[in-house]
Amino acid sequence: MLPSPRLVWDLPVRLFHWLLAASVVGAFVTNKLGVAWFSWHAWFGYAVIVLVSFRLVWGVVGTRHARFASFVRGPAAILAYLRGGAPATPGHNPLGALMVLALLAGLLTLAALGLFGNDDIINTGPLAGYVGKETSLLLTSYHRRLFYGIAAAVAVHVLAVLAHRVVKGENLVLPMITGRKPVADADTIPSSRPWLALTLVLVLAGALVLGADPCAGGRRRCLRLIPLLRPNKKGGRPAGRPLIVFRPG
């Protein structure tokens, strides 16, 4: 008889998971919509940076099963899991942990490359002014290529979730919504620690805004990372200040 469902995944981890998925999809869709939607594409990129940065910090100070120390394992544990000899884990399994790390690293790199991007038409990334045009175009190429690699990793992730459902009869999606899995009392978490998570998100978002806006204080020579978005009535490229206020050098 299976134990009763108990809280395993905290609310911050669950919100992170679905918001990150929405941000990646949003970035992809706005990219396909064309240059008029570049600013919205950039905003989704900023969301990815804040979300992944939060998850990295939460992997150290978060709840039990969110911490990297609780699920990241070495080669021996991964081989044992593949051979079917590893004990069941309430959180991520050793193989799933590799996917978590790969996606976090890949998405953070993808978003960082996008900051230096250039569509070679009208729009540029907020940090493109710090590198030459050729370098910007090269980083844009890496940005595009890396996306396809991440898309392939996401496809593998989805197939693995389906395989767990079909082969093992284990539903991995529902616990990422409710946070609950049938585990022993010793494996449950007492709280989601939402206030700590909210504080971290606000600090990280504030750091992105303040650290990336040297235009504050009325300085004449500056580069603004966060664009001022004022969508026009047609829903296209926002009116207002451009992404690049000043191109150094």
Protein backbone atom coordinates (compact mmCIF):
# COMPACT_ATOMS: atom_id res chain seq x y z
CA MET A 1 0.00 0.00 0.00
CA LEU A 2 1.37 3.37 -1.02
CA PRO A 3 1.81 6.03 1.65
CA SER A 4 -0.43 9.09 1.63
CA PRO A 5 0.56 12.03 -0.58
CA ARG A 6 2.70 14.50 1.32
CA LEU A 7 4.37 17.79 0.47
CA VAL A 8 7.64 17.24 -1.39
CA TRP A 9 7.93 20.09 -3.93
CA ASP A 10 7.68 23.54 -2.40
CA LEU A 11 5.58 26.26 -3.99
CA PRO A 12 8.60 28.31 -5.20
CA VAL A 13 9.99 25.31 -7.12
CA ARG A 14 6.62 24.65 -8.74
CA LEU A 15 6.11 28.28 -9.71
CA PHE A 16 9.66 28.43 -11.03
CA HIS A 17 9.08 25.34 -13.19
CA TRP A 18 5.95 26.60 -14.90
CA LEU A 19 7.01 30.25 -15.16
CA LEU A 20 10.30 29.20 -16.74
CA ALA A 21 8.44 27.03 -19.25
CA ALA A 22 6.11 29.94 -20.06
CA SER A 23 9.05 32.34 -20.44
CA VAL A 24 10.88 30.03 -22.84
CA VAL A 25 7.75 29.53 -24.92
CA GLY A 26 7.08 33.27 -24.86
CA ALA A 27 10.62 34.05 -26.00
CA PHE A 28 10.30 31.54 -28.84
CA VAL A 29 6.91 32.85 -30.00
CA THR A 30 7.91 36.53 -29.89
CA ASN A 31 11.06 35.71 -31.84
CA LYS A 32 8.99 34.05 -34.55
CA LEU A 33 6.59 37.01 -34.65
CA GLY A 34 9.37 39.19 -36.03
CA VAL A 35 11.43 42.26 -35.19
CA ALA A 36 8.40 44.27 -34.05
CA TRP A 37 8.16 42.02 -31.00
CA PHE A 38 11.85 42.20 -30.07
CA SER A 39 11.27 44.12 -26.83
CA TRP A 40 8.81 41.49 -25.62
CA HIS A 41 11.35 38.83 -26.55
CA ALA A 42 13.87 40.70 -24.40
CA TRP A 43 11.50 40.82 -21.45
CA PHE A 44 11.05 37.05 -21.58
CA GLY A 45 14.83 36.79 -21.63
CA TYR A 46 15.07 38.94 -18.50
CA ALA A 47 12.50 36.66 -16.86
CA VAL A 48 14.66 33.63 -17.68
CA ILE A 49 17.70 35.30 -16.11
CA VAL A 50 15.85 36.11 -12.87
CA LEU A 51 14.15 32.69 -12.68
CA VAL A 52 17.29 30.65 -13.32
CA SER A 53 19.31 32.83 -10.94
CA PHE A 54 16.64 32.27 -8.30
CA ARG A 55 16.72 28.51 -8.83
CA LEU A 56 20.50 28.45 -8.45
CA VAL A 57 20.26 30.26 -5.12
CA TRP A 58 17.23 28.21 -4.05
CA GLY A 59 19.25 25.09 -4.78
CA VAL A 60 21.48 26.10 -1.88
CA VAL A 61 19.14 27.75 0.64
CA GLY A 62 15.76 26.30 -0.36
CA THR A 63 13.74 23.44 1.08
CA ARG A 64 15.09 19.91 1.37
CA HIS A 65 14.27 18.41 -2.02
CA ALA A 66 15.00 21.66 -3.88
CA ARG A 67 18.62 21.68 -2.75
CA PHE A 68 21.22 20.40 -5.19
CA ALA A 69 22.88 18.47 -2.38
CA SER A 70 19.76 16.33 -2.06
CA PHE A 71 19.60 15.09 -5.66
CA VAL A 72 22.86 15.72 -7.54
CA ARG A 73 24.78 12.45 -7.51
CA GLY A 74 27.99 11.04 -8.96
CA PRO A 75 28.51 8.54 -11.81
CA ALA A 76 28.09 5.49 -9.54
CA ALA A 77 24.62 6.55 -8.43
CA ILE A 78 23.62 7.36 -12.01
CA LEU A 79 24.76 3.92 -13.24
CA ALA A 80 22.95 2.23 -10.36
CA TYR A 81 19.77 4.09 -11.28
CA LEU A 82 20.08 3.07 -14.94
CA ARG A 83 20.53 -0.57 -13.88
CA GLY A 84 17.46 -0.39 -11.67
CA GLY A 85 19.40 -0.91 -8.47
CA ALA A 86 19.03 2.56 -6.95
CA PRO A 87 16.47 3.22 -4.22
CA ALA A 88 13.47 5.40 -5.00
CA THR A 89 13.96 9.12 -4.41
CA PRO A 90 11.24 11.55 -3.31
CA GLY A 91 12.75 14.37 -5.36
CA HIS A 92 14.70 14.31 -8.61
CA ASN A 93 16.31 10.99 -9.52
CA PRO A 94 20.05 10.92 -10.33
CA LEU A 95 19.44 10.98 -14.10
CA GLY A 96 16.85 13.74 -13.87
CA ALA A 97 19.34 15.78 -11.87
CA LEU A 98 21.63 15.89 -14.90
CA MET A 99 18.80 17.31 -16.99
CA VAL A 100 18.07 19.94 -14.33
CA LEU A 101 21.68 21.08 -14.32
CA ALA A 102 21.94 21.02 -18.11
CA LEU A 103 18.78 23.09 -18.61
CA LEU A 104 19.72 25.64 -15.94
CA ALA A 105 23.19 26.12 -17.42
CA GLY A 106 21.92 26.16 -20.99
CA LEU A 107 19.11 28.63 -20.38
CA LEU A 108 21.27 31.02 -18.39
CA THR A 109 23.89 30.95 -21.15
CA LEU A 110 21.21 31.42 -23.80
CA ALA A 111 19.77 34.47 -22.07
CA ALA A 112 23.22 35.95 -21.45
CA LEU A 113 24.14 35.60 -25.12
CA GLY A 114 20.89 37.32 -26.03
CA LEU A 115 21.97 40.43 -24.13
CA PHE A 116 24.62 40.96 -26.81
CA GLY A 117 22.32 40.01 -29.71
CA ASN A 118 21.75 41.86 -32.96
CA ASP A 119 19.11 41.07 -35.58
CA ASP A 120 21.12 43.06 -38.16
CA ILE A 121 18.00 45.03 -39.03
CA ILE A 122 16.85 47.49 -36.36
CA ASN A 123 16.98 45.85 -32.93
CA THR A 124 19.98 45.10 -30.74
CA GLY A 125 20.42 43.51 -27.36
CA PRO A 126 20.94 45.84 -24.41
CA LEU A 127 24.67 45.04 -24.15
CA ALA A 128 25.43 44.89 -27.86
CA GLY A 129 27.00 48.33 -27.63
CA TYR A 130 29.85 46.92 -25.54
CA VAL A 131 31.08 44.66 -28.35
CA GLY A 132 31.69 45.20 -32.05
CA LYS A 133 29.05 44.42 -34.61
CA GLU A 134 30.84 41.30 -35.85
CA THR A 135 31.15 39.99 -32.31
CA SER A 136 27.50 40.79 -31.69
CA LEU A 137 26.44 38.87 -34.79
CA LEU A 138 28.66 35.93 -33.79
CA LEU A 139 27.10 35.81 -30.31
CA THR A 140 23.66 36.03 -31.93
CA SER A 141 24.55 32.98 -34.01
CA TYR A 142 25.56 31.10 -30.85
CA HIS A 143 22.32 32.27 -29.23
CA ARG A 144 20.23 30.77 -32.03
CA ARG A 145 22.17 27.52 -32.22
CA LEU A 146 22.06 26.98 -28.48
CA PHE A 147 18.29 27.35 -28.53
CA TYR A 148 17.95 24.31 -30.76
CA GLY A 149 20.13 22.32 -28.38
CA ILE A 150 17.94 23.37 -25.46
CA ALA A 151 14.81 22.52 -27.46
CA ALA A 152 16.21 19.02 -27.99
CA ALA A 153 16.92 18.69 -24.25
CA VAL A 154 13.38 19.81 -23.45
CA ALA A 155 12.03 17.20 -25.87
CA VAL A 156 14.07 14.51 -24.09
CA HIS A 157 12.75 15.78 -20.76
CA VAL A 158 9.14 15.55 -21.92
CA LEU A 159 9.71 12.05 -23.35
CA ALA A 160 11.24 10.96 -20.05
CA VAL A 161 8.19 12.25 -18.16
CA LEU A 162 5.92 10.30 -20.54
CA ALA A 163 8.07 7.18 -20.15
CA HIS A 164 7.74 7.38 -16.38
CA ARG A 165 3.98 7.51 -16.80
CA VAL A 166 3.72 4.66 -19.31
CA VAL A 167 6.48 2.32 -18.12
CA LYS A 168 6.57 2.93 -14.38
CA GLY A 169 3.05 4.23 -13.88
CA GLU A 170 4.46 7.29 -12.10
CA ASN A 171 2.87 10.67 -12.70
CA LEU A 172 5.58 13.34 -12.51
CA VAL A 173 3.40 16.21 -13.73
CA LEU A 174 0.77 16.23 -10.99
CA PRO A 175 3.30 16.56 -8.13
CA MET A 176 4.82 19.55 -9.92
CA ILE A 177 1.34 21.13 -9.70
CA THR A 178 0.18 20.05 -6.24
CA GLY A 179 3.61 19.56 -4.68
CA ARG A 180 2.50 16.24 -3.19
CA LYS A 181 3.81 12.72 -3.71
CA PRO A 182 3.17 9.43 -1.88
CA VAL A 183 6.22 9.42 0.39
CA ALA A 184 7.05 8.50 3.96
CA ASP A 185 6.64 11.02 6.76
CA ALA A 186 10.40 11.44 6.96
CA ASP A 187 10.51 12.70 3.35
CA THR A 188 7.93 15.45 3.66
CA ILE A 189 8.84 19.13 3.98
CA PRO A 190 7.18 21.23 6.70
CA SER A 191 6.90 24.46 4.69
CA SER A 192 7.47 26.00 1.28
CA ARG A 193 9.25 29.01 2.81
CA PRO A 194 7.43 31.37 0.42
CA TRP A 195 8.57 34.61 2.07
CA LEU A 196 12.22 33.70 1.71
CA ALA A 197 11.63 32.82 -1.95
CA LEU A 198 9.76 36.07 -2.59
CA THR A 199 12.57 38.05 -0.96
CA LEU A 200 15.15 36.35 -3.16
CA VAL A 201 13.17 37.05 -6.33
CA LEU A 202 12.75 40.72 -5.43
CA VAL A 203 16.45 41.06 -4.63
CA LEU A 204 17.50 39.37 -7.87
CA ALA A 205 15.06 41.36 -9.99
CA GLY A 206 16.14 44.57 -8.26
CA ALA A 207 19.78 43.75 -8.85
CA LEU A 208 19.09 43.23 -12.54
CA VAL A 209 17.25 46.55 -12.81
CA LEU A 210 19.57 48.68 -10.68
CA GLY A 211 22.80 47.10 -11.79
CA ALA A 212 21.82 47.34 -15.42
CA ASP A 213 20.54 50.91 -15.42
CA PRO A 214 23.51 53.26 -15.21
CA CYS A 215 21.25 55.94 -16.69
CA ALA A 216 19.86 56.47 -13.19
CA GLY A 217 20.99 59.71 -11.64
CA GLY A 218 20.88 61.70 -14.85
CA ARG A 219 24.19 60.54 -16.27
CA ARG A 220 24.53 61.61 -19.90
CA ARG A 221 26.71 58.75 -21.15
CA CYS A 222 25.07 55.50 -20.22
CA LEU A 223 23.63 52.25 -21.50
CA ARG A 224 20.20 51.11 -20.37
CA LEU A 225 19.65 47.36 -20.06
CA ILE A 226 15.97 47.39 -19.15
CA PRO A 227 13.90 49.01 -21.90
CA LEU A 228 10.98 51.24 -21.04
CA LEU A 229 8.03 49.37 -22.51
CA ARG A 230 5.01 51.28 -23.69
CA PRO A 231 3.18 48.98 -26.12
CA ASN A 232 1.42 50.80 -28.87
CA LYS A 233 -2.20 50.18 -29.79
CA LYS A 234 -1.25 47.70 -32.49
CA GLY A 235 0.64 45.54 -30.00
CA GLY A 236 3.87 45.88 -31.93
CA ARG A 237 7.18 47.50 -31.09
CA PRO A 238 6.74 49.68 -28.00
CA ALA A 239 7.01 53.41 -28.19
CA GLY A 240 9.43 55.17 -25.89
CA ARG A 241 13.14 54.92 -25.31
CA PRO A 242 15.23 52.56 -27.41
CA LEU A 243 17.08 49.65 -25.86
CA ILE A 244 20.43 51.28 -26.48
CA VAL A 245 20.76 54.72 -24.96
CA PHE A 246 24.48 54.96 -25.51
CA ARG A 247 26.91 52.80 -27.45
CA PRO A 248 30.32 52.93 -25.76
CA GLY A 249 33.44 53.15 -27.86
